């Protein structure tokens, strides 16, 4: 798979101002909601994410619902669609990118205690079922967001924002 060249909101390529990207890749493993995917595109742009990797049933451009919440951010964030999540994981392995899942497992490390490697691929899973077990087994680490309420989960786009800006703060990148 070859990532699509980002298109910068009507600007000719020679007029683009390139923004340095952070060494953060994001793998979306079968997200159900195009609205969540759009929100993740916007947050990825805000955090200068290097690349979004959209897997399985995850919505990808062009898509009306995604466009509504992305507000054009997919024009600025490089992305690739993979029918099979294992093809995405293969790309990470080939590029030497550490893979960190965000999931509520018994052995997950609370994110404030985790030292995020550079480069890193953050894996986010399906809103109802979490990260596919086969994908989870291939991750180098699992982090969680500690919960204080009755529910043991939160919106995937919100969780991504917490993790992304925490790791950028840890790296002194913001």
C-alpha atoms as a PDB file:
ATOM      1  CA  UNK A   1       0.000   0.000   0.000  1.00  0.00           C
ATOM      2  CA  UNK A   2       1.207   3.459  -0.869  1.00  0.00           C
ATOM      3  CA  UNK A   3      -0.107   6.405   1.137  1.00  0.00           C
ATOM      4  CA  UNK A   4      -1.985   9.000  -0.828  1.00  0.00           C
ATOM      5  CA  UNK A   5      -0.166  12.282  -1.297  1.00  0.00           C
ATOM      6  CA  UNK A   6      -1.846  14.811   0.995  1.00  0.00           C
ATOM      7  CA  UNK A   7      -3.786  17.542  -0.768  1.00  0.00           C
ATOM      8  CA  UNK A   8      -3.682  20.911   0.955  1.00  0.00           C
ATOM      9  CA  UNK A   9      -7.090  22.593   0.583  1.00  0.00           C
ATOM     10  CA  UNK A  10      -6.872  23.851  -2.957  1.00  0.00           C
ATOM     11  CA  UNK A  11      -3.259  24.983  -2.804  1.00  0.00           C
ATOM     12  CA  UNK A  12      -0.964  23.969  -5.608  1.00  0.00           C
ATOM     13  CA  UNK A  13       1.765  21.594  -4.362  1.00  0.00           C
ATOM     14  CA  UNK A  14       4.470  24.201  -4.957  1.00  0.00           C
ATOM     15  CA  UNK A  15       2.622  26.655  -2.648  1.00  0.00           C
ATOM     16  CA  UNK A  16       2.200  24.295   0.303  1.00  0.00           C
ATOM     17  CA  UNK A  17       3.790  25.124   3.606  1.00  0.00           C
ATOM     18  CA  UNK A  18       4.905  21.792   4.988  1.00  0.00           C
ATOM     19  CA  UNK A  19       4.431  21.313   8.711  1.00  0.00           C
ATOM     20  CA  UNK A  20       6.905  18.942  10.380  1.00  0.00           C
ATOM     21  CA  UNK A  21       5.100  15.748  11.364  1.00  0.00           C
ATOM     22  CA  UNK A  22       5.497  13.935  14.653  1.00  0.00           C
ATOM     23  CA  UNK A  23       6.672  10.292  14.414  1.00  0.00           C
ATOM     24  CA  UNK A  24       3.177   9.071  15.322  1.00  0.00           C
ATOM     25  CA  UNK A  25       1.174   6.637  13.241  1.00  0.00           C
ATOM     26  CA  UNK A  26      -2.405   5.751  14.113  1.00  0.00           C
ATOM     27  CA  UNK A  27      -4.069   2.454  13.226  1.00  0.00           C
ATOM     28  CA  UNK A  28      -7.874   2.401  13.334  1.00  0.00           C
ATOM     29  CA  UNK A  29      -8.952  -1.229  13.650  1.00  0.00           C
ATOM     30  CA  UNK A  30     -12.487  -1.601  12.257  1.00  0.00           C
ATOM     31  CA  UNK A  31     -14.036   1.559  13.702  1.00  0.00           C
ATOM     32  CA  UNK A  32     -17.799   1.596  13.157  1.00  0.00           C
ATOM     33  CA  UNK A  33     -18.469   5.323  13.272  1.00  0.00           C
ATOM     34  CA  UNK A  34     -17.439   7.590  10.406  1.00  0.00           C
ATOM     35  CA  UNK A  35     -18.027  10.502  12.801  1.00  0.00           C
ATOM     36  CA  UNK A  36     -15.355   9.114  15.157  1.00  0.00           C
ATOM     37  CA  UNK A  37     -12.980   8.640  12.231  1.00  0.00           C
ATOM     38  CA  UNK A  38     -13.567  12.248  11.143  1.00  0.00           C
ATOM     39  CA  UNK A  39     -12.863  13.465  14.653  1.00  0.00           C
ATOM     40  CA  UNK A  40      -9.657  11.404  14.735  1.00  0.00           C
ATOM     41  CA  UNK A  41      -8.586  13.025  11.453  1.00  0.00           C
ATOM     42  CA  UNK A  42      -9.075  16.483  13.024  1.00  0.00           C
ATOM     43  CA  UNK A  43      -7.182  15.550  16.186  1.00  0.00           C
ATOM     44  CA  UNK A  44      -4.419  13.995  14.073  1.00  0.00           C
ATOM     45  CA  UNK A  45      -4.028  17.245  12.169  1.00  0.00           C
ATOM     46  CA  UNK A  46      -3.943  19.205  15.445  1.00  0.00           C
ATOM     47  CA  UNK A  47      -1.150  16.943  16.712  1.00  0.00           C
ATOM     48  CA  UNK A  48       0.789  16.790  13.396  1.00  0.00           C
ATOM     49  CA  UNK A  49       0.429  13.001  13.175  1.00  0.00           C
ATOM     50  CA  UNK A  50       2.620  11.425  10.484  1.00  0.00           C
ATOM     51  CA  UNK A  51       0.026   9.007   9.107  1.00  0.00           C
ATOM     52  CA  UNK A  52      -3.404   7.468   9.685  1.00  0.00           C
ATOM     53  CA  UNK A  53      -3.864   3.789   8.806  1.00  0.00           C
ATOM     54  CA  UNK A  54      -7.528   2.905   8.278  1.00  0.00           C
ATOM     55  CA  UNK A  55      -8.295  -0.806   8.450  1.00  0.00           C
ATOM     56  CA  UNK A  56     -11.230  -3.071   7.619  1.00  0.00           C
ATOM     57  CA  UNK A  57     -14.644  -1.445   7.906  1.00  0.00           C
ATOM     58  CA  UNK A  58     -13.178   1.880   9.058  1.00  0.00           C
ATOM     59  CA  UNK A  59     -14.579   4.710   6.930  1.00  0.00           C
ATOM     60  CA  UNK A  60     -12.165   6.469   4.610  1.00  0.00           C
ATOM     61  CA  UNK A  61     -12.404   9.399   2.191  1.00  0.00           C
ATOM     62  CA  UNK A  62     -14.517  10.101   0.286  1.00  0.00           C
ATOM     63  CA  UNK A  63     -17.348   9.625   2.818  1.00  0.00           C
ATOM     64  CA  UNK A  64     -20.105  12.158   3.664  1.00  0.00           C
ATOM     65  CA  UNK A  65     -20.238  11.479   7.428  1.00  0.00           C
ATOM     66  CA  UNK A  66     -16.462  11.530   7.698  1.00  0.00           C
ATOM     67  CA  UNK A  67     -16.331  14.839   5.810  1.00  0.00           C
ATOM     68  CA  UNK A  68     -18.832  16.357   8.237  1.00  0.00           C
ATOM     69  CA  UNK A  69     -16.658  15.870  11.319  1.00  0.00           C
ATOM     70  CA  UNK A  70     -13.196  15.958   9.681  1.00  0.00           C
ATOM     71  CA  UNK A  71     -13.899  19.469   8.351  1.00  0.00           C
ATOM     72  CA  UNK A  72     -11.282  18.973   5.638  1.00  0.00           C
ATOM     73  CA  UNK A  73      -8.576  17.540   7.911  1.00  0.00           C
ATOM     74  CA  UNK A  74      -8.098  14.535   5.638  1.00  0.00           C
ATOM     75  CA  UNK A  75      -6.630  17.019   3.166  1.00  0.00           C
ATOM     76  CA  UNK A  76      -3.751  17.547   5.616  1.00  0.00           C
ATOM     77  CA  UNK A  77      -3.223  14.153   7.249  1.00  0.00           C
ATOM     78  CA  UNK A  78      -1.660  11.433   5.104  1.00  0.00           C
ATOM     79  CA  UNK A  79      -3.704   8.237   5.227  1.00  0.00           C
ATOM     80  CA  UNK A  80      -3.823   4.742   3.809  1.00  0.00           C
ATOM     81  CA  UNK A  81      -6.689   2.270   3.707  1.00  0.00           C
ATOM     82  CA  UNK A  82      -6.011  -1.441   4.281  1.00  0.00           C
ATOM     83  CA  UNK A  83      -8.671  -4.069   3.760  1.00  0.00           C
ATOM     84  CA  UNK A  84      -6.794  -6.365   6.177  1.00  0.00           C
ATOM     85  CA  UNK A  85      -5.311  -5.074   9.419  1.00  0.00           C
ATOM     86  CA  UNK A  86      -2.431  -7.561   9.168  1.00  0.00           C
ATOM     87  CA  UNK A  87      -1.185  -5.694   6.072  1.00  0.00           C
ATOM     88  CA  UNK A  88      -0.992  -2.521   8.153  1.00  0.00           C
ATOM     89  CA  UNK A  89       0.903  -4.307  10.935  1.00  0.00           C
ATOM     90  CA  UNK A  90       3.334  -5.628   8.327  1.00  0.00           C
ATOM     91  CA  UNK A  91       4.104  -2.034   7.251  1.00  0.00           C
ATOM     92  CA  UNK A  92       4.871  -1.092  10.864  1.00  0.00           C
ATOM     93  CA  UNK A  93       7.189  -4.091  11.241  1.00  0.00           C
ATOM     94  CA  UNK A  94       8.989  -3.291   7.987  1.00  0.00           C
ATOM     95  CA  UNK A  95       9.504   0.328   9.085  1.00  0.00           C
ATOM     96  CA  UNK A  96      10.614  -0.570  12.622  1.00  0.00           C
ATOM     97  CA  UNK A  97       7.681   1.232  14.236  1.00  0.00           C
ATOM     98  CA  UNK A  98       6.730   0.126  17.772  1.00  0.00           C
ATOM     99  CA  UNK A  99       3.027  -0.695  18.088  1.00  0.00           C
ATOM    100  CA  UNK A 100       1.106   0.371  21.207  1.00  0.00           C
ATOM    101  CA  UNK A 101      -2.528  -0.597  21.719  1.00  0.00           C
ATOM    102  CA  UNK A 102      -4.964   1.527  23.705  1.00  0.00           C
ATOM    103  CA  UNK A 103      -7.160  -1.040  25.414  1.00  0.00           C
ATOM    104  CA  UNK A 104      -8.583  -1.959  28.812  1.00  0.00           C
ATOM    105  CA  UNK A 105      -6.795  -5.257  29.442  1.00  0.00           C
ATOM    106  CA  UNK A 106      -5.701  -6.567  32.830  1.00  0.00           C
ATOM    107  CA  UNK A 107      -2.017  -6.107  31.966  1.00  0.00           C
ATOM    108  CA  UNK A 108      -2.350  -2.666  30.335  1.00  0.00           C
ATOM    109  CA  UNK A 109      -0.088   0.065  31.724  1.00  0.00           C
ATOM    110  CA  UNK A 110      -1.796   3.319  32.725  1.00  0.00           C
ATOM    111  CA  UNK A 111      -0.758   5.787  29.996  1.00  0.00           C
ATOM    112  CA  UNK A 112       0.870   8.343  32.383  1.00  0.00           C
ATOM    113  CA  UNK A 113       3.321   5.626  33.505  1.00  0.00           C
ATOM    114  CA  UNK A 114       4.234   4.507  29.981  1.00  0.00           C
ATOM    115  CA  UNK A 115       7.247   5.841  28.099  1.00  0.00           C
ATOM    116  CA  UNK A 116       6.146   6.146  24.474  1.00  0.00           C
ATOM    117  CA  UNK A 117       8.837   5.114  21.965  1.00  0.00           C
ATOM    118  CA  UNK A 118       9.710   7.078  18.822  1.00  0.00           C
ATOM    119  CA  UNK A 119       8.407   6.308  16.284  1.00  0.00           C
ATOM    120  CA  UNK A 120       5.172   4.816  17.562  1.00  0.00           C
ATOM    121  CA  UNK A 121       1.967   3.426  16.103  1.00  0.00           C
ATOM    122  CA  UNK A 122      -1.080   3.892  18.318  1.00  0.00           C
ATOM    123  CA  UNK A 123      -3.790   1.264  17.761  1.00  0.00           C
ATOM    124  CA  UNK A 124      -7.426   2.100  18.471  1.00  0.00           C
ATOM    125  CA  UNK A 125     -10.169  -0.498  18.242  1.00  0.00           C
ATOM    126  CA  UNK A 126     -13.801  -0.939  17.429  1.00  0.00           C
ATOM    127  CA  UNK A 127     -16.145   1.126  19.590  1.00  0.00           C
ATOM    128  CA  UNK A 128     -18.073  -1.945  20.749  1.00  0.00           C
ATOM    129  CA  UNK A 129     -15.583  -4.832  20.688  1.00  0.00           C
ATOM    130  CA  UNK A 130     -12.233  -3.120  21.153  1.00  0.00           C
ATOM    131  CA  UNK A 131      -9.079  -4.137  19.320  1.00  0.00           C
ATOM    132  CA  UNK A 132      -9.158  -7.424  17.430  1.00  0.00           C
ATOM    133  CA  UNK A 133      -7.453 -10.125  19.525  1.00  0.00           C
ATOM    134  CA  UNK A 134      -5.076 -11.056  16.661  1.00  0.00           C
ATOM    135  CA  UNK A 135      -3.998  -7.412  16.406  1.00  0.00           C
ATOM    136  CA  UNK A 136      -3.630  -7.090  20.180  1.00  0.00           C
ATOM    137  CA  UNK A 137      -1.267 -10.092  20.280  1.00  0.00           C
ATOM    138  CA  UNK A 138       1.001  -8.389  17.743  1.00  0.00           C
ATOM    139  CA  UNK A 139       1.325  -5.148  19.720  1.00  0.00           C
ATOM    140  CA  UNK A 140       4.524  -4.352  21.585  1.00  0.00           C
ATOM    141  CA  UNK A 141       2.666  -2.810  24.523  1.00  0.00           C
ATOM    142  CA  UNK A 142      -0.834  -2.027  25.784  1.00  0.00           C
ATOM    143  CA  UNK A 143      -1.768   1.176  27.590  1.00  0.00           C
ATOM    144  CA  UNK A 144      -5.030   2.152  29.208  1.00  0.00           C
ATOM    145  CA  UNK A 145      -6.754   5.283  30.371  1.00  0.00           C
ATOM    146  CA  UNK A 146      -7.696   4.779  34.030  1.00  0.00           C
ATOM    147  CA  UNK A 147     -11.442   5.151  34.584  1.00  0.00           C
ATOM    148  CA  UNK A 148     -13.078   6.649  37.670  1.00  0.00           C
ATOM    149  CA  UNK A 149     -16.717   6.062  36.700  1.00  0.00           C
ATOM    150  CA  UNK A 150     -18.954   3.033  36.295  1.00  0.00           C
ATOM    151  CA  UNK A 151     -18.143   2.443  32.627  1.00  0.00           C
ATOM    152  CA  UNK A 152     -14.802   0.911  31.704  1.00  0.00           C
ATOM    153  CA  UNK A 153     -14.495   2.735  28.391  1.00  0.00           C
ATOM    154  CA  UNK A 154     -14.924   6.079  26.640  1.00  0.00           C
ATOM    155  CA  UNK A 155     -15.456   7.391  23.140  1.00  0.00           C
ATOM    156  CA  UNK A 156     -12.612   6.264  20.889  1.00  0.00           C
ATOM    157  CA  UNK A 157     -11.990   9.737  19.469  1.00  0.00           C
ATOM    158  CA  UNK A 158     -11.815  11.207  22.975  1.00  0.00           C
ATOM    159  CA  UNK A 159      -9.442   8.438  24.092  1.00  0.00           C
ATOM    160  CA  UNK A 160      -7.216   9.151  21.090  1.00  0.00           C
ATOM    161  CA  UNK A 161      -6.996  12.837  21.981  1.00  0.00           C
ATOM    162  CA  UNK A 162      -5.948  12.012  25.531  1.00  0.00           C
ATOM    163  CA  UNK A 163      -3.253   9.567  24.402  1.00  0.00           C
ATOM    164  CA  UNK A 164      -1.924  11.714  21.535  1.00  0.00           C
ATOM    165  CA  UNK A 165      -1.501  14.895  23.543  1.00  0.00           C
ATOM    166  CA  UNK A 166      -0.102  12.993  26.512  1.00  0.00           C
ATOM    167  CA  UNK A 167       2.635  11.454  24.367  1.00  0.00           C
ATOM    168  CA  UNK A 168       3.345  14.770  22.633  1.00  0.00           C
ATOM    169  CA  UNK A 169       3.682  16.384  26.055  1.00  0.00           C
ATOM    170  CA  UNK A 170       5.955  13.542  27.191  1.00  0.00           C
ATOM    171  CA  UNK A 171       8.133  14.086  24.100  1.00  0.00           C
ATOM    172  CA  UNK A 172       8.145  17.866  24.742  1.00  0.00           C
ATOM    173  CA  UNK A 173       6.685  18.279  21.235  1.00  0.00           C
ATOM    174  CA  UNK A 174       3.987  20.756  22.255  1.00  0.00           C
END
